PDB file of N, CA and C in Angstrom:
ATOM      1  N   MET A   1      78.026  88.529 -41.484  1.00  0.00           N
ATOM      2  CA  MET A   1      76.920  87.997 -40.725  1.00  0.00           C
ATOM      3  C   MET A   1      76.762  88.813 -39.450  1.00  0.00           C
ATOM      4  N   ALA A   2      75.559  89.181 -39.141  1.00  0.00           N
ATOM      5  CA  ALA A   2      75.296  90.007 -37.958  1.00  0.00           C
ATOM      6  C   ALA A   2      75.439  89.181 -36.691  1.00  0.00           C
ATOM      7  N   GLU A   3      75.917  89.834 -35.656  1.00  0.00           N
ATOM      8  CA  GLU A   3      76.036  89.150 -34.364  1.00  0.00           C
ATOM      9  C   GLU A   3      74.667  89.056 -33.710  1.00  0.00           C
ATOM     10  N   LEU A   4      74.496  88.000 -32.918  1.00  0.00           N
ATOM     11  CA  LEU A   4      73.244  87.816 -32.193  1.00  0.00           C
ATOM     12  C   LEU A   4      73.240  88.684 -30.941  1.00  0.00           C
ATOM     13  N   GLY A   5      72.096  89.292 -30.675  1.00  0.00           N
ATOM     14  CA  GLY A   5      71.948  90.033 -29.427  1.00  0.00           C
ATOM     15  C   GLY A   5      71.721  89.046 -28.294  1.00  0.00           C
ATOM     16  N   GLU A   6      71.751  89.552 -27.074  1.00  0.00           N
ATOM     17  CA  GLU A   6      71.562  88.677 -25.910  1.00  0.00           C
ATOM     18  C   GLU A   6      70.216  87.967 -25.953  1.00  0.00           C
ATOM     19  N   ALA A   7      69.159  88.675 -26.326  1.00  0.00           N
ATOM     20  CA  ALA A   7      67.816  88.084 -26.377  1.00  0.00           C
ATOM     21  C   ALA A   7      67.760  86.996 -27.447  1.00  0.00           C
ATOM     22  N   ASP A   8      68.373  87.250 -28.601  1.00  0.00           N
ATOM     23  CA  ASP A   8      68.395  86.257 -29.680  1.00  0.00           C
ATOM     24  C   ASP A   8      69.186  85.019 -29.260  1.00  0.00           C
ATOM     25  N   GLU A   9      70.302  85.252 -28.610  1.00  0.00           N
ATOM     26  CA  GLU A   9      71.138  84.140 -28.158  1.00  0.00           C
ATOM     27  C   GLU A   9      70.406  83.297 -27.107  1.00  0.00           C
ATOM     28  N   ALA A  10      69.706  83.956 -26.196  1.00  0.00           N
ATOM     29  CA  ALA A  10      68.945  83.244 -25.169  1.00  0.00           C
ATOM     30  C   ALA A  10      67.831  82.419 -25.812  1.00  0.00           C
ATOM     31  N   GLU A  11      67.159  82.991 -26.809  1.00  0.00           N
ATOM     32  CA  GLU A  11      66.092  82.273 -27.510  1.00  0.00           C
ATOM     33  C   GLU A  11      66.658  81.068 -28.258  1.00  0.00           C
ATOM     34  N   LEU A  12      67.799  81.243 -28.889  1.00  0.00           N
ATOM     35  CA  LEU A  12      68.446  80.147 -29.596  1.00  0.00           C
ATOM     36  C   LEU A  12      68.822  79.031 -28.628  1.00  0.00           C
ATOM     37  N   GLN A  13      69.361  79.389 -27.481  1.00  0.00           N
ATOM     38  CA  GLN A  13      69.715  78.386 -26.471  1.00  0.00           C
ATOM     39  C   GLN A  13      68.474  77.653 -25.968  1.00  0.00           C
ATOM     40  N   ARG A  14      67.365  78.380 -25.801  1.00  0.00           N
ATOM     41  CA  ARG A  14      66.119  77.764 -25.354  1.00  0.00           C
ATOM     42  C   ARG A  14      65.613  76.763 -26.401  1.00  0.00           C
ATOM     43  N   LEU A  15      65.687  77.154 -27.678  1.00  0.00           N
ATOM     44  CA  LEU A  15      65.249  76.264 -28.751  1.00  0.00           C
ATOM     45  C   LEU A  15      66.120  75.011 -28.843  1.00  0.00           C
ATOM     46  N   VAL A  16      67.416  75.182 -28.698  1.00  0.00           N
ATOM     47  CA  VAL A  16      68.332  74.042 -28.736  1.00  0.00           C
ATOM     48  C   VAL A  16      68.053  73.097 -27.567  1.00  0.00           C
ATOM     49  N   ALA A  17      67.836  73.660 -26.388  1.00  0.00           N
ATOM     50  CA  ALA A  17      67.532  72.838 -25.215  1.00  0.00           C
ATOM     51  C   ALA A  17      66.225  72.075 -25.418  1.00  0.00           C
ATOM     52  N   ALA A  18      65.216  72.724 -25.994  1.00  0.00           N
ATOM     53  CA  ALA A  18      63.932  72.060 -26.244  1.00  0.00           C
ATOM     54  C   ALA A  18      64.112  70.910 -27.233  1.00  0.00           C
ATOM     55  N   GLU A  19      64.914  71.133 -28.270  1.00  0.00           N
ATOM     56  CA  GLU A  19      65.161  70.075 -29.256  1.00  0.00           C
ATOM     57  C   GLU A  19      65.933  68.917 -28.637  1.00  0.00           C
ATOM     58  N   GLN A  20      66.874  69.227 -27.751  1.00  0.00           N
ATOM     59  CA  GLN A  20      67.609  68.169 -27.062  1.00  0.00           C
ATOM     60  C   GLN A  20      66.686  67.345 -26.184  1.00  0.00           C
ATOM     61  N   GLN A  21      65.741  68.002 -25.506  1.00  0.00           N
ATOM     62  CA  GLN A  21      64.776  67.291 -24.675  1.00  0.00           C
ATOM     63  C   GLN A  21      63.893  66.384 -25.529  1.00  0.00           C
ATOM     64  N   LYS A  22      63.468  66.880 -26.689  1.00  0.00           N
ATOM     65  CA  LYS A  22      62.659  66.064 -27.593  1.00  0.00           C
ATOM     66  C   LYS A  22      63.442  64.838 -28.049  1.00  0.00           C
ATOM     67  N   ALA A  23      64.702  65.037 -28.397  1.00  0.00           N
ATOM     68  CA  ALA A  23      65.538  63.926 -28.852  1.00  0.00           C
ATOM     69  C   ALA A  23      65.732  62.897 -27.739  1.00  0.00           C
ATOM     70  N   GLN A  24      65.949  63.363 -26.516  1.00  0.00           N
ATOM     71  CA  GLN A  24      66.101  62.447 -25.379  1.00  0.00           C
ATOM     72  C   GLN A  24      64.814  61.678 -25.141  1.00  0.00           C
ATOM     73  N   PHE A  25      63.680  62.355 -25.223  1.00  0.00           N
ATOM     74  CA  PHE A  25      62.393  61.707 -25.023  1.00  0.00           C
ATOM     75  C   PHE A  25      62.167  60.639 -26.089  1.00  0.00           C
ATOM     76  N   THR A  26      62.455  60.974 -27.345  1.00  0.00           N
ATOM     77  CA  THR A  26      62.296  60.013 -28.440  1.00  0.00           C
ATOM     78  C   THR A  26      63.195  58.804 -28.228  1.00  0.00           C
ATOM     79  N   ALA A  27      64.417  59.026 -27.813  1.00  0.00           N
ATOM     80  CA  ALA A  27      65.336  57.914 -27.541  1.00  0.00           C
ATOM     81  C   ALA A  27      64.803  57.041 -26.417  1.00  0.00           C
ATOM     82  N   GLN A  28      64.218  57.658 -25.394  1.00  0.00           N
ATOM     83  CA  GLN A  28      63.646  56.889 -24.289  1.00  0.00           C
ATOM     84  C   GLN A  28      62.454  56.069 -24.755  1.00  0.00           C
ATOM     85  N   VAL A  29      61.627  56.641 -25.631  1.00  0.00           N
ATOM     86  CA  VAL A  29      60.479  55.909 -26.177  1.00  0.00           C
ATOM     87  C   VAL A  29      60.961  54.668 -26.920  1.00  0.00           C
ATOM     88  N   HIS A  30      61.951  54.845 -27.770  1.00  0.00           N
ATOM     89  CA  HIS A  30      62.472  53.712 -28.540  1.00  0.00           C
ATOM     90  C   HIS A  30      63.054  52.652 -27.611  1.00  0.00           C
ATOM     91  N   HIS A  31      63.780  53.092 -26.615  1.00  0.00           N
ATOM     92  CA  HIS A  31      64.372  52.144 -25.659  1.00  0.00           C
ATOM     93  C   HIS A  31      63.274  51.385 -24.916  1.00  0.00           C
ATOM     94  N   PHE A  32      62.260  52.112 -24.478  1.00  0.00           N
ATOM     95  CA  PHE A  32      61.163  51.487 -23.744  1.00  0.00           C
ATOM     96  C   PHE A  32      60.440  50.472 -24.626  1.00  0.00           C
ATOM     97  N   MET A  33      60.201  50.820 -25.888  1.00  0.00           N
ATOM     98  CA  MET A  33      59.518  49.897 -26.797  1.00  0.00           C
ATOM     99  C   MET A  33      60.353  48.634 -27.021  1.00  0.00           C
ATOM    100  N   GLU A  34      61.648  48.771 -27.109  1.00  0.00           N
ATOM    101  CA  GLU A  34      62.526  47.603 -27.237  1.00  0.00           C
ATOM    102  C   GLU A  34      62.421  46.723 -26.003  1.00  0.00           C
ATOM    103  N   LEU A  35      62.389  47.350 -24.825  1.00  0.00           N
ATOM    104  CA  LEU A  35      62.262  46.570 -23.592  1.00  0.00           C
ATOM    105  C   LEU A  35      60.942  45.804 -23.566  1.00  0.00           C
ATOM    106  N   CYS A  36      59.853  46.469 -23.941  1.00  0.00           N
ATOM    107  CA  CYS A  36      58.546  45.803 -23.967  1.00  0.00           C
ATOM    108  C   CYS A  36      58.556  44.640 -24.953  1.00  0.00           C
ATOM    109  N   TRP A  37      59.120  44.875 -26.120  1.00  0.00           N
ATOM    110  CA  TRP A  37      59.176  43.810 -27.129  1.00  0.00           C
ATOM    111  C   TRP A  37      59.971  42.627 -26.594  1.00  0.00           C
ATOM    112  N   ASP A  38      61.149  42.893 -26.052  1.00  0.00           N
ATOM    113  CA  ASP A  38      61.992  41.813 -25.531  1.00  0.00           C
ATOM    114  C   ASP A  38      61.314  41.075 -24.380  1.00  0.00           C
ATOM    115  N   LYS A  39      60.580  41.806 -23.554  1.00  0.00           N
ATOM    116  CA  LYS A  39      59.924  41.203 -22.404  1.00  0.00           C
ATOM    117  C   LYS A  39      58.707  40.374 -22.811  1.00  0.00           C
ATOM    118  N   CYS A  40      57.936  40.867 -23.770  1.00  0.00           N
ATOM    119  CA  CYS A  40      56.624  40.283 -24.053  1.00  0.00           C
ATOM    120  C   CYS A  40      56.586  39.306 -25.234  1.00  0.00           C
ATOM    121  N   VAL A  41      57.382  39.539 -26.241  1.00  0.00           N
ATOM    122  CA  VAL A  41      57.265  38.745 -27.470  1.00  0.00           C
ATOM    123  C   VAL A  41      58.361  37.686 -27.498  1.00  0.00           C
ATOM    124  N   GLU A  42      57.930  36.436 -27.265  1.00  0.00           N
ATOM    125  CA  GLU A  42      58.881  35.325 -27.261  1.00  0.00           C
ATOM    126  C   GLU A  42      59.131  34.787 -28.663  1.00  0.00           C
ATOM    127  N   LYS A  43      58.057  34.700 -29.447  1.00  0.00           N
ATOM    128  CA  LYS A  43      58.196  34.175 -30.805  1.00  0.00           C
ATOM    129  C   LYS A  43      57.306  34.984 -31.742  1.00  0.00           C
ATOM    130  N   PRO A  44      57.902  35.892 -32.493  1.00  0.00           N
ATOM    131  CA  PRO A  44      57.114  36.703 -33.426  1.00  0.00           C
ATOM    132  C   PRO A  44      56.435  35.824 -34.465  1.00  0.00           C
ATOM    133  N   GLY A  45      55.241  36.193 -34.819  1.00  0.00           N
ATOM    134  CA  GLY A  45      54.502  35.460 -35.840  1.00  0.00           C
ATOM    135  C   GLY A  45      53.357  36.309 -36.338  1.00  0.00           C
ATOM    136  N   ASN A  46      52.448  35.644 -37.056  1.00  0.00           N
ATOM    137  CA  ASN A  46      51.302  36.369 -37.612  1.00  0.00           C
ATOM    138  C   ASN A  46      50.285  36.735 -36.540  1.00  0.00           C
ATOM    139  N   ARG A  47      50.230  35.964 -35.456  1.00  0.00           N
ATOM    140  CA  ARG A  47      49.261  36.209 -34.398  1.00  0.00           C
ATOM    141  C   ARG A  47      49.957  36.206 -33.046  1.00  0.00           C
ATOM    142  N   LEU A  48      49.422  36.999 -32.126  1.00  0.00           N
ATOM    143  CA  LEU A  48      49.951  37.028 -30.769  1.00  0.00           C
ATOM    144  C   LEU A  48      49.005  36.238 -29.872  1.00  0.00           C
ATOM    145  N   ASP A  49      49.575  35.453 -28.967  1.00  0.00           N
ATOM    146  CA  ASP A  49      48.707  34.746 -28.025  1.00  0.00           C
ATOM    147  C   ASP A  49      48.212  35.729 -26.970  1.00  0.00           C
ATOM    148  N   SER A  50      47.242  35.301 -26.167  1.00  0.00           N
ATOM    149  CA  SER A  50      46.615  36.216 -25.206  1.00  0.00           C
ATOM    150  C   SER A  50      47.616  36.696 -24.153  1.00  0.00           C
ATOM    151  N   ARG A  51      48.550  35.849 -23.748  1.00  0.00           N
ATOM    152  CA  ARG A  51      49.554  36.263 -22.760  1.00  0.00           C
ATOM    153  C   ARG A  51      50.408  37.393 -23.318  1.00  0.00           C
ATOM    154  N   THR A  52      50.830  37.263 -24.571  1.00  0.00           N
ATOM    155  CA  THR A  52      51.649  38.294 -25.206  1.00  0.00           C
ATOM    156  C   THR A  52      50.857  39.584 -25.373  1.00  0.00           C
ATOM    157  N   GLU A  53      49.600  39.463 -25.793  1.00  0.00           N
ATOM    158  CA  GLU A  53      48.755  40.650 -25.938  1.00  0.00           C
ATOM    159  C   GLU A  53      48.579  41.366 -24.610  1.00  0.00           C
ATOM    160  N   ASN A  54      48.320  40.608 -23.537  1.00  0.00           N
ATOM    161  CA  ASN A  54      48.149  41.208 -22.209  1.00  0.00           C
ATOM    162  C   ASN A  54      49.434  41.882 -21.739  1.00  0.00           C
ATOM    163  N   CYS A  55      50.557  41.241 -21.985  1.00  0.00           N
ATOM    164  CA  CYS A  55      51.843  41.808 -21.590  1.00  0.00           C
ATOM    165  C   CYS A  55      52.090  43.133 -22.325  1.00  0.00           C
ATOM    166  N   LEU A  56      51.882  43.129 -23.640  1.00  0.00           N
ATOM    167  CA  LEU A  56      52.093  44.342 -24.423  1.00  0.00           C
ATOM    168  C   LEU A  56      51.111  45.442 -24.009  1.00  0.00           C
ATOM    169  N   SER A  57      49.869  45.061 -23.732  1.00  0.00           N
ATOM    170  CA  SER A  57      48.868  46.032 -23.293  1.00  0.00           C
ATOM    171  C   SER A  57      49.285  46.671 -21.968  1.00  0.00           C
ATOM    172  N   SER A  58      49.735  45.855 -21.028  1.00  0.00           N
ATOM    173  CA  SER A  58      50.193  46.384 -19.738  1.00  0.00           C
ATOM    174  C   SER A  58      51.403  47.286 -19.927  1.00  0.00           C
ATOM    175  N   CYS A  59      52.289  46.883 -20.796  1.00  0.00           N
ATOM    176  CA  CYS A  59      53.496  47.667 -21.063  1.00  0.00           C
ATOM    177  C   CYS A  59      53.110  49.035 -21.645  1.00  0.00           C
ATOM    178  N   VAL A  60      52.178  49.039 -22.596  1.00  0.00           N
ATOM    179  CA  VAL A  60      51.722  50.285 -23.199  1.00  0.00           C
ATOM    180  C   VAL A  60      51.042  51.158 -22.150  1.00  0.00           C
ATOM    181  N   ASP A  61      50.213  50.534 -21.296  1.00  0.00           N
ATOM    182  CA  ASP A  61      49.553  51.298 -20.235  1.00  0.00           C
ATOM    183  C   ASP A  61      50.572  51.971 -19.324  1.00  0.00           C
ATOM    184  N   ARG A  62      51.610  51.231 -18.942  1.00  0.00           N
ATOM    185  CA  ARG A  62      52.659  51.821 -18.099  1.00  0.00           C
ATOM    186  C   ARG A  62      53.371  52.946 -18.839  1.00  0.00           C
ATOM    187  N   PHE A  63      53.603  52.751 -20.128  1.00  0.00           N
ATOM    188  CA  PHE A  63      54.250  53.769 -20.936  1.00  0.00           C
ATOM    189  C   PHE A  63      53.408  55.043 -20.972  1.00  0.00           C
ATOM    190  N   ILE A  64      52.102  54.896 -21.189  1.00  0.00           N
ATOM    191  CA  ILE A  64      51.213  56.056 -21.248  1.00  0.00           C
ATOM    192  C   ILE A  64      51.202  56.771 -19.903  1.00  0.00           C
ATOM    193  N   ASP A  65      51.074  56.023 -18.814  1.00  0.00           N
ATOM    194  CA  ASP A  65      51.076  56.630 -17.483  1.00  0.00           C
ATOM    195  C   ASP A  65      52.373  57.398 -17.230  1.00  0.00           C
ATOM    196  N   THR A  66      53.484  56.794 -17.598  1.00  0.00           N
ATOM    197  CA  THR A  66      54.784  57.431 -17.409  1.00  0.00           C
ATOM    198  C   THR A  66      54.905  58.687 -18.264  1.00  0.00           C
ATOM    199  N   THR A  67      54.459  58.596 -19.509  1.00  0.00           N
ATOM    200  CA  THR A  67      54.518  59.737 -20.418  1.00  0.00           C
ATOM    201  C   THR A  67      53.695  60.899 -19.878  1.00  0.00           C
ATOM    202  N   LEU A  68      52.494  60.599 -19.382  1.00  0.00           N
ATOM    203  CA  LEU A  68      51.647  61.657 -18.820  1.00  0.00           C
ATOM    204  C   LEU A  68      52.296  62.296 -17.599  1.00  0.00           C
ATOM    205  N   ALA A  69      52.912  61.491 -16.753  1.00  0.00           N
ATOM    206  CA  ALA A  69      53.582  62.026 -15.564  1.00  0.00           C
ATOM    207  C   ALA A  69      54.758  62.922 -15.957  1.00  0.00           C
ATOM    208  N   ILE A  70      55.542  62.477 -16.928  1.00  0.00           N
ATOM    209  CA  ILE A  70      56.697  63.265 -17.384  1.00  0.00           C
ATOM    210  C   ILE A  70      56.229  64.563 -18.031  1.00  0.00           C
ATOM    211  N   THR A  71      55.203  64.475 -18.875  1.00  0.00           N
ATOM    212  CA  THR A  71      54.673  65.657 -19.544  1.00  0.00           C
ATOM    213  C   THR A  71      54.158  66.668 -18.528  1.00  0.00           C
ATOM    214  N   SER A  72      53.456  66.166 -17.527  1.00  0.00           N
ATOM    215  CA  SER A  72      52.943  67.044 -16.474  1.00  0.00           C
ATOM    216  C   SER A  72      54.090  67.724 -15.736  1.00  0.00           C
ATOM    217  N   ARG A  73      55.128  66.967 -15.438  1.00  0.00           N
ATOM    218  CA  ARG A  73      56.287  67.526 -14.730  1.00  0.00           C
ATOM    219  C   ARG A  73      56.985  68.597 -15.569  1.00  0.00           C
ATOM    220  N   PHE A  74      57.171  68.322 -16.875  1.00  0.00           N
ATOM    221  CA  PHE A  74      57.789  69.319 -17.751  1.00  0.00           C
ATOM    222  C   PHE A  74      56.937  70.582 -17.804  1.00  0.00           C
ATOM    223  N   ALA A  75      55.619  70.414 -17.874  1.00  0.00           N
ATOM    224  CA  ALA A  75      54.728  71.585 -17.918  1.00  0.00           C
ATOM    225  C   ALA A  75      54.878  72.415 -16.644  1.00  0.00           C
ATOM    226  N   GLN A  76      54.980  71.745 -15.489  1.00  0.00           N
ATOM    227  CA  GLN A  76      55.184  72.456 -14.224  1.00  0.00           C
ATOM    228  C   GLN A  76      56.505  73.210 -14.240  1.00  0.00           C
ATOM    229  N   MET A  77      57.561  72.568 -14.753  1.00  0.00           N
ATOM    230  CA  MET A  77      58.874  73.205 -14.792  1.00  0.00           C
ATOM    231  C   MET A  77      58.851  74.431 -15.701  1.00  0.00           C
ATOM    232  N   VAL A  78      58.209  74.309 -16.853  1.00  0.00           N
ATOM    233  CA  VAL A  78      58.142  75.418 -17.802  1.00  0.00           C
ATOM    234  C   VAL A  78      57.334  76.568 -17.200  1.00  0.00           C
ATOM    235  N   GLN A  79      56.239  76.219 -16.544  1.00  0.00           N
ATOM    236  CA  GLN A  79      55.395  77.242 -15.920  1.00  0.00           C
ATOM    237  C   GLN A  79      56.156  77.993 -14.830  1.00  0.00           C
ATOM    238  N   LYS A  80      56.915  77.277 -14.016  1.00  0.00           N
ATOM    239  CA  LYS A  80      57.704  77.921 -12.962  1.00  0.00           C
ATOM    240  C   LYS A  80      58.808  78.778 -13.552  1.00  0.00           C
ATOM    241  N   GLY A  81      59.406  78.304 -14.655  1.00  0.00           N
ATOM    242  CA  GLY A  81      60.492  79.043 -15.293  1.00  0.00           C
ATOM    243  C   GLY A  81      60.022  80.327 -15.947  1.00  0.00           C
ATOM    244  N   GLY A  82      58.739  80.362 -16.367  1.00  0.00           N
ATOM    245  CA  GLY A  82      58.223  81.541 -17.036  1.00  0.00           C
ATOM    246  C   GLY A  82      57.717  82.611 -16.106  1.00  0.00           C
ATOM    247  N   GLN A  83      57.701  82.320 -14.811  1.00  0.00           N
ATOM    248  CA  GLN A  83      57.181  83.300 -13.857  1.00  0.00           C
ATOM    249  C   GLN A  83      58.244  84.260 -13.394  1.00  0.00           C
TER     250      GLN A  83
END
């Protein structure tokens, strides 16, 4: 098996780091969704009452806002790193 050059090794490390970030983000999404469910849904059933719907809607809105802020921050970090 051929040895990796420095450029190949750096690219591999970058790809691994990106995959780790994706995995961390996915884990955070799942954790956040569990928190919203536990906070908002008192009794699961076929229909949600208006209080539960409003709670879940607010939770999703906060999630979207947070996701956009994090995505923007990552984009800034990547842009600075590429300069």
